[in-house]
Amino acid sequence: MTALEVADWRRRNFALYAAIRENPDAASAHADWRAGRDEMFATHPASPLLPEDLRGFKGLPFESYNPDWRFEASIVPGDGRRMNVETGTDGVVPFDLLGTVEIESVGSLDVWRLASYGGGIFIPVKDALSRVKGGTYGGGRYLLDTVKGADLGPGSTPESLVLDFNFAYNPSCAYDPAWACPLAQAGNTLTVQVPVGERY
C-alpha cells in the first residue's frame, strides 16, 4: 500500500468517528460504525486483511450492542512514567502515562498519551476472553487511539472520557503480522470478560 492510501484510510476513519460522535443513539452509531469498518476492510487498498482473508470476507466478528458496556470515566492523574514501544516499522514509539480510569465492576485502565508527533490519547484493553479460544485478540484491543481518529469524545464532566467497550476493535497486527502494534500492558489488562466489541 502507498502512503496516500494509508492517508485516505485515516481520513475515512476520522470521518467515521466524527459521525459516531454526532449520533445521539449509541446503538445506531455502533451499527453505522460496523458497516463502515466492514466496507473499508473489504474494499480499501490499505485494508489490513491479507489477500487470503479477503476472499469470502463477510464482515468483522462483532457482538450486538449492549448499553451496559458504555461508561463515562474521569481520569485520575498518573505519575507520568514512560512506556517505549518497539514497533519495527515506526521505530520506538514513546507513551507517557496520563493517568488511570476506574470503571465500576470492570476495573482500572491506564490512559496513555503519545509522547511524539500528534500527542494522541491511547487506551488499549486486554480482557479475560483474550485467553479463550474464539474470544478476543490475545494482544488486546483498542478502546481509544485518538491520533488515528478512534475517539468517542469527552464525557459530560471535565477530564472525563466516553469509554464504550462495544467499540473495542482489533489492532492491524491482529490481521497482518507485518504490522507491529502497541499492545495492552499490565495496567490495561482486566480480570473480567468483556463480551462486547470485536472478537477474534
C-alpha atoms as a PDB file:
ATOM      1  CA  MET A   1       0.000   0.000   0.000  1.00  0.00           C
ATOM      2  CA  THR A   2       1.107   3.545  -0.608  1.00  0.00           C
ATOM      3  CA  ALA A   3       1.412   6.469   1.789  1.00  0.00           C
ATOM      4  CA  LEU A   4      -1.557   8.147   0.084  1.00  0.00           C
ATOM      5  CA  GLU A   5      -3.685   5.037   0.532  1.00  0.00           C
ATOM      6  CA  VAL A   6      -2.841   4.943   4.248  1.00  0.00           C
ATOM      7  CA  ALA A   7      -3.641   8.659   4.491  1.00  0.00           C
ATOM      8  CA  ASP A   8      -7.024   8.033   2.879  1.00  0.00           C
ATOM      9  CA  TRP A   9      -7.725   5.189   5.336  1.00  0.00           C
ATOM     10  CA  ARG A  10      -7.010   7.560   8.219  1.00  0.00           C
ATOM     11  CA  ARG A  11      -9.168  10.268   6.655  1.00  0.00           C
ATOM     12  CA  ARG A  12     -12.102   7.895   6.335  1.00  0.00           C
ATOM     13  CA  ASN A  13     -11.605   6.603   9.875  1.00  0.00           C
ATOM     14  CA  PHE A  14     -11.694  10.156  11.252  1.00  0.00           C
ATOM     15  CA  ALA A  15     -14.921  10.786   9.333  1.00  0.00           C
ATOM     16  CA  LEU A  16     -16.464   7.564  10.631  1.00  0.00           C
ATOM     17  CA  TYR A  17     -15.805   8.509  14.261  1.00  0.00           C
ATOM     18  CA  ALA A  18     -16.978  12.086  13.682  1.00  0.00           C
ATOM     19  CA  ALA A  19     -20.337  10.660  12.559  1.00  0.00           C
ATOM     20  CA  ILE A  20     -20.457   8.442  15.670  1.00  0.00           C
ATOM     21  CA  ARG A  21     -19.977  11.420  17.972  1.00  0.00           C
ATOM     22  CA  GLU A  22     -22.787  13.314  16.216  1.00  0.00           C
ATOM     23  CA  ASN A  23     -25.287  10.463  16.590  1.00  0.00           C
ATOM     24  CA  PRO A  24     -27.159  10.590  19.942  1.00  0.00           C
ATOM     25  CA  ASP A  25     -28.286   6.965  19.541  1.00  0.00           C
ATOM     26  CA  ALA A  26     -25.278   4.866  20.548  1.00  0.00           C
ATOM     27  CA  ALA A  27     -26.706   1.597  19.177  1.00  0.00           C
ATOM     28  CA  SER A  28     -27.437   3.213  15.805  1.00  0.00           C
ATOM     29  CA  ALA A  29     -23.974   4.787  15.757  1.00  0.00           C
ATOM     30  CA  HIS A  30     -22.450   1.398  16.517  1.00  0.00           C
ATOM     31  CA  ALA A  31     -24.321  -0.203  13.600  1.00  0.00           C
ATOM     32  CA  ASP A  32     -23.100   2.549  11.252  1.00  0.00           C
ATOM     33  CA  TRP A  33     -19.550   2.165  12.565  1.00  0.00           C
ATOM     34  CA  ARG A  34     -19.591  -1.589  11.972  1.00  0.00           C
ATOM     35  CA  ALA A  35     -20.922  -1.124   8.447  1.00  0.00           C
ATOM     36  CA  GLY A  36     -18.281   1.496   7.710  1.00  0.00           C
ATOM     37  CA  ARG A  37     -15.456  -0.667   9.024  1.00  0.00           C
ATOM     38  CA  ASP A  38     -16.699  -3.707   7.110  1.00  0.00           C
ATOM     39  CA  GLU A  39     -16.793  -1.686   3.890  1.00  0.00           C
ATOM     40  CA  MET A  40     -13.289  -0.312   4.458  1.00  0.00           C
ATOM     41  CA  PHE A  41     -11.857  -3.723   5.325  1.00  0.00           C
ATOM     42  CA  ALA A  42     -13.477  -5.295   2.262  1.00  0.00           C
ATOM     43  CA  THR A  43     -12.656  -2.671  -0.362  1.00  0.00           C
ATOM     44  CA  HIS A  44      -9.967  -0.220   0.721  1.00  0.00           C
ATOM     45  CA  PRO A  45      -6.427  -0.714  -0.648  1.00  0.00           C
ATOM     46  CA  ALA A  46      -4.998  -0.065   2.853  1.00  0.00           C
ATOM     47  CA  SER A  47      -7.118  -2.823   4.436  1.00  0.00           C
ATOM     48  CA  PRO A  48      -5.078  -4.835   6.962  1.00  0.00           C
ATOM     49  CA  LEU A  49      -6.700  -8.063   5.753  1.00  0.00           C
ATOM     50  CA  LEU A  50      -4.387 -10.455   3.946  1.00  0.00           C
ATOM     51  CA  PRO A  51      -5.411 -11.460   0.391  1.00  0.00           C
ATOM     52  CA  GLU A  52      -6.422 -14.935   1.541  1.00  0.00           C
ATOM     53  CA  ASP A  53      -8.638 -13.434   4.243  1.00  0.00           C
ATOM     54  CA  LEU A  54     -10.310 -11.040   1.814  1.00  0.00           C
ATOM     55  CA  ARG A  55     -11.642 -13.978  -0.172  1.00  0.00           C
ATOM     56  CA  GLY A  56     -15.023 -14.799   1.289  1.00  0.00           C
ATOM     57  CA  PHE A  57     -14.897 -11.890   3.759  1.00  0.00           C
ATOM     58  CA  LYS A  58     -18.410 -11.269   5.092  1.00  0.00           C
ATOM     59  CA  GLY A  59     -17.698  -8.785   7.854  1.00  0.00           C
ATOM     60  CA  LEU A  60     -15.743  -8.427  11.081  1.00  0.00           C
ATOM     61  CA  PRO A  61     -16.903 -10.549  14.031  1.00  0.00           C
ATOM     62  CA  PHE A  62     -18.784  -8.297  16.447  1.00  0.00           C
ATOM     63  CA  GLU A  63     -21.247  -8.843  19.251  1.00  0.00           C
ATOM     64  CA  SER A  64     -24.559  -6.974  19.384  1.00  0.00           C
ATOM     65  CA  TYR A  65     -24.590  -3.574  21.044  1.00  0.00           C
ATOM     66  CA  ASN A  66     -25.044  -3.690  24.823  1.00  0.00           C
ATOM     67  CA  PRO A  67     -25.565  -0.286  26.536  1.00  0.00           C
ATOM     68  CA  ASP A  68     -24.364  -1.716  29.872  1.00  0.00           C
ATOM     69  CA  TRP A  69     -20.811  -1.540  28.494  1.00  0.00           C
ATOM     70  CA  ARG A  70     -20.846   2.218  27.814  1.00  0.00           C
ATOM     71  CA  PHE A  71     -19.226   4.390  30.507  1.00  0.00           C
ATOM     72  CA  GLU A  72     -18.041   7.880  31.264  1.00  0.00           C
ATOM     73  CA  ALA A  73     -14.862   7.856  33.307  1.00  0.00           C
ATOM     74  CA  SER A  74     -12.775  10.635  34.823  1.00  0.00           C
ATOM     75  CA  ILE A  75      -9.011  10.485  34.543  1.00  0.00           C
ATOM     76  CA  VAL A  76      -7.072  10.339  37.810  1.00  0.00           C
ATOM     77  CA  PRO A  77      -3.648  11.883  37.056  1.00  0.00           C
ATOM     78  CA  GLY A  78      -0.762   9.434  36.912  1.00  0.00           C
ATOM     79  CA  ASP A  79       2.941   9.567  37.631  1.00  0.00           C
ATOM     80  CA  GLY A  80       3.943  10.326  34.038  1.00  0.00           C
ATOM     81  CA  ARG A  81       6.066   7.212  33.665  1.00  0.00           C
ATOM     82  CA  ARG A  82       7.103   6.367  30.106  1.00  0.00           C
ATOM     83  CA  MET A  83       6.395   3.272  28.034  1.00  0.00           C
ATOM     84  CA  ASN A  84       8.614   2.821  24.976  1.00  0.00           C
ATOM     85  CA  VAL A  85       7.122   0.519  22.352  1.00  0.00           C
ATOM     86  CA  GLU A  86       9.372  -1.010  19.687  1.00  0.00           C
ATOM     87  CA  THR A  87       7.270  -1.194  16.538  1.00  0.00           C
ATOM     88  CA  GLY A  88       9.878  -2.096  13.937  1.00  0.00           C
ATOM     89  CA  THR A  89       8.369  -0.079  11.095  1.00  0.00           C
ATOM     90  CA  ASP A  90       7.965   3.146  13.122  1.00  0.00           C
ATOM     91  CA  GLY A  91      10.919   2.606  15.447  1.00  0.00           C
ATOM     92  CA  VAL A  92      10.445   3.206  19.170  1.00  0.00           C
ATOM     93  CA  VAL A  93       7.142   4.938  19.951  1.00  0.00           C
ATOM     94  CA  PRO A  94       7.053   6.637  23.387  1.00  0.00           C
ATOM     95  CA  PHE A  95       3.928   6.892  25.536  1.00  0.00           C
ATOM     96  CA  ASP A  96       3.596   8.783  28.830  1.00  0.00           C
ATOM     97  CA  LEU A  97       1.086   7.729  31.489  1.00  0.00           C
ATOM     98  CA  LEU A  98      -1.569  10.437  31.572  1.00  0.00           C
ATOM     99  CA  GLY A  99      -3.483   8.735  34.389  1.00  0.00           C
ATOM    100  CA  THR A 100      -5.971   5.999  35.092  1.00  0.00           C
ATOM    101  CA  VAL A 101      -9.711   5.500  34.831  1.00  0.00           C
ATOM    102  CA  GLU A 102     -11.704   3.336  37.225  1.00  0.00           C
ATOM    103  CA  ILE A 103     -14.723   1.622  35.703  1.00  0.00           C
ATOM    104  CA  GLU A 104     -17.247   0.210  38.144  1.00  0.00           C
ATOM    105  CA  SER A 105     -17.454  -3.609  38.093  1.00  0.00           C
ATOM    106  CA  VAL A 106     -14.884  -3.703  35.272  1.00  0.00           C
ATOM    107  CA  GLY A 107     -11.583  -2.478  36.686  1.00  0.00           C
ATOM    108  CA  SER A 108      -8.871   0.105  36.229  1.00  0.00           C
ATOM    109  CA  LEU A 109      -7.240   1.081  32.917  1.00  0.00           C
ATOM    110  CA  ASP A 110      -4.149   3.131  32.233  1.00  0.00           C
ATOM    111  CA  VAL A 111      -4.614   6.131  29.936  1.00  0.00           C
ATOM    112  CA  TRP A 112      -1.575   6.869  27.780  1.00  0.00           C
ATOM    113  CA  ARG A 113      -0.510   9.981  25.872  1.00  0.00           C
ATOM    114  CA  LEU A 114       1.530   9.569  22.714  1.00  0.00           C
ATOM    115  CA  ALA A 115       4.729  11.442  23.572  1.00  0.00           C
ATOM    116  CA  SER A 116       5.716  12.117  19.981  1.00  0.00           C
ATOM    117  CA  TYR A 117       4.125  13.713  16.922  1.00  0.00           C
ATOM    118  CA  GLY A 118       0.334  14.006  17.260  1.00  0.00           C
ATOM    119  CA  GLY A 119       0.140  13.572  21.033  1.00  0.00           C
ATOM    120  CA  GLY A 120      -2.959  11.367  20.970  1.00  0.00           C
ATOM    121  CA  ILE A 121      -4.713   9.567  23.836  1.00  0.00           C
ATOM    122  CA  PHE A 122      -4.341   5.801  23.727  1.00  0.00           C
ATOM    123  CA  ILE A 123      -6.250   3.181  25.741  1.00  0.00           C
ATOM    124  CA  PRO A 124      -5.671  -0.468  24.871  1.00  0.00           C
ATOM    125  CA  VAL A 125      -7.554  -3.165  26.770  1.00  0.00           C
ATOM    126  CA  LYS A 126      -6.980  -6.878  27.246  1.00  0.00           C
ATOM    127  CA  ASP A 127      -9.782  -8.813  28.922  1.00  0.00           C
ATOM    128  CA  ALA A 128     -10.177 -12.366  30.233  1.00  0.00           C
ATOM    129  CA  LEU A 129     -11.654 -13.523  26.895  1.00  0.00           C
ATOM    130  CA  SER A 130      -8.224 -12.979  25.315  1.00  0.00           C
ATOM    131  CA  ARG A 131      -7.218 -16.302  26.853  1.00  0.00           C
ATOM    132  CA  VAL A 132     -10.255 -18.156  25.468  1.00  0.00           C
ATOM    133  CA  LYS A 133     -10.394 -19.758  22.022  1.00  0.00           C
ATOM    134  CA  GLY A 134     -12.846 -17.797  19.909  1.00  0.00           C
ATOM    135  CA  GLY A 135     -12.684 -14.923  22.384  1.00  0.00           C
ATOM    136  CA  THR A 136     -10.828 -11.656  21.910  1.00  0.00           C
ATOM    137  CA  TYR A 137      -7.426 -10.974  20.371  1.00  0.00           C
ATOM    138  CA  GLY A 138      -4.615 -12.213  22.616  1.00  0.00           C
ATOM    139  CA  GLY A 139      -2.656  -8.975  22.443  1.00  0.00           C
ATOM    140  CA  GLY A 140      -5.656  -6.866  23.404  1.00  0.00           C
ATOM    141  CA  ARG A 141      -7.945  -4.449  21.605  1.00  0.00           C
ATOM    142  CA  TYR A 142      -8.105  -0.661  21.377  1.00  0.00           C
ATOM    143  CA  LEU A 143     -10.770   1.476  23.050  1.00  0.00           C
ATOM    144  CA  LEU A 144      -9.271   4.818  22.031  1.00  0.00           C
ATOM    145  CA  ASP A 145      -6.461   5.821  19.707  1.00  0.00           C
ATOM    146  CA  THR A 146      -7.207   9.458  19.026  1.00  0.00           C
ATOM    147  CA  VAL A 147      -4.164  10.165  16.844  1.00  0.00           C
ATOM    148  CA  LYS A 148      -5.736   7.753  14.332  1.00  0.00           C
ATOM    149  CA  GLY A 149      -9.250   9.115  14.787  1.00  0.00           C
ATOM    150  CA  ALA A 150     -10.622   6.449  17.155  1.00  0.00           C
ATOM    151  CA  ASP A 151     -12.204   8.892  19.587  1.00  0.00           C
ATOM    152  CA  LEU A 152     -15.684   8.697  21.145  1.00  0.00           C
ATOM    153  CA  GLY A 153     -15.386  12.189  22.590  1.00  0.00           C
ATOM    154  CA  PRO A 154     -15.445  13.782  26.038  1.00  0.00           C
ATOM    155  CA  GLY A 155     -17.816  12.876  28.822  1.00  0.00           C
ATOM    156  CA  SER A 156     -20.251  15.256  30.447  1.00  0.00           C
ATOM    157  CA  THR A 157     -17.746  16.459  33.058  1.00  0.00           C
ATOM    158  CA  PRO A 158     -14.241  17.905  32.697  1.00  0.00           C
ATOM    159  CA  GLU A 159     -11.403  15.391  32.497  1.00  0.00           C
ATOM    160  CA  SER A 160     -13.801  12.577  31.579  1.00  0.00           C
ATOM    161  CA  LEU A 161     -13.940  10.351  28.526  1.00  0.00           C
ATOM    162  CA  VAL A 162     -16.594   8.216  26.875  1.00  0.00           C
ATOM    163  CA  LEU A 163     -15.387   4.617  27.028  1.00  0.00           C
ATOM    164  CA  ASP A 164     -17.701   2.271  25.161  1.00  0.00           C
ATOM    165  CA  PHE A 165     -16.422  -1.295  25.043  1.00  0.00           C
ATOM    166  CA  ASN A 166     -18.854  -2.061  22.218  1.00  0.00           C
ATOM    167  CA  PHE A 167     -16.425  -0.067  20.047  1.00  0.00           C
ATOM    168  CA  ALA A 168     -13.330  -2.046  21.136  1.00  0.00           C
ATOM    169  CA  TYR A 169     -11.528  -3.119  17.977  1.00  0.00           C
ATOM    170  CA  ASN A 170      -8.540  -5.212  16.997  1.00  0.00           C
ATOM    171  CA  PRO A 171      -5.266  -3.543  16.021  1.00  0.00           C
ATOM    172  CA  SER A 172      -3.957  -4.117  12.494  1.00  0.00           C
ATOM    173  CA  CYS A 173      -1.415  -6.674  13.713  1.00  0.00           C
ATOM    174  CA  ALA A 174      -4.307  -8.997  14.598  1.00  0.00           C
ATOM    175  CA  TYR A 175      -4.819  -9.444  10.841  1.00  0.00           C
ATOM    176  CA  ASP A 176      -1.410  -8.904   9.269  1.00  0.00           C
ATOM    177  CA  PRO A 177       1.822  -9.859  11.089  1.00  0.00           C
ATOM    178  CA  ALA A 178       3.701  -7.243   9.033  1.00  0.00           C
ATOM    179  CA  TRP A 179       2.177  -4.615  11.350  1.00  0.00           C
ATOM    180  CA  ALA A 180       3.719  -4.039  14.785  1.00  0.00           C
ATOM    181  CA  CYS A 181       1.238  -2.576  17.261  1.00  0.00           C
ATOM    182  CA  PRO A 182       1.460  -1.275  20.834  1.00  0.00           C
ATOM    183  CA  LEU A 183      -0.324  -3.894  22.923  1.00  0.00           C
ATOM    184  CA  ALA A 184      -2.029  -3.854  26.312  1.00  0.00           C
ATOM    185  CA  GLN A 185       0.378  -3.811  29.258  1.00  0.00           C
ATOM    186  CA  ALA A 186      -0.331  -4.934  32.835  1.00  0.00           C
ATOM    187  CA  GLY A 187      -2.195  -1.706  33.648  1.00  0.00           C
ATOM    188  CA  ASN A 188      -4.518  -2.285  30.712  1.00  0.00           C
ATOM    189  CA  THR A 189      -5.304  -5.920  31.482  1.00  0.00           C
ATOM    190  CA  LEU A 190      -8.676  -6.748  33.060  1.00  0.00           C
ATOM    191  CA  THR A 191      -9.570  -9.851  35.043  1.00  0.00           C
ATOM    192  CA  VAL A 192     -13.177  -9.783  33.786  1.00  0.00           C
ATOM    193  CA  GLN A 193     -14.543 -10.895  30.437  1.00  0.00           C
ATOM    194  CA  VAL A 194     -15.669  -8.107  28.104  1.00  0.00           C
ATOM    195  CA  PRO A 195     -18.249  -9.859  25.902  1.00  0.00           C
ATOM    196  CA  VAL A 196     -18.820  -6.949  23.500  1.00  0.00           C
ATOM    197  CA  GLY A 197     -16.811  -5.335  20.720  1.00  0.00           C
ATOM    198  CA  GLU A 198     -14.771  -7.013  18.021  1.00  0.00           C
ATOM    199  CA  ARG A 199     -13.948 -10.687  18.513  1.00  0.00           C
ATOM    200  CA  TYR A 200     -11.070 -12.711  17.084  1.00  0.00           C
END
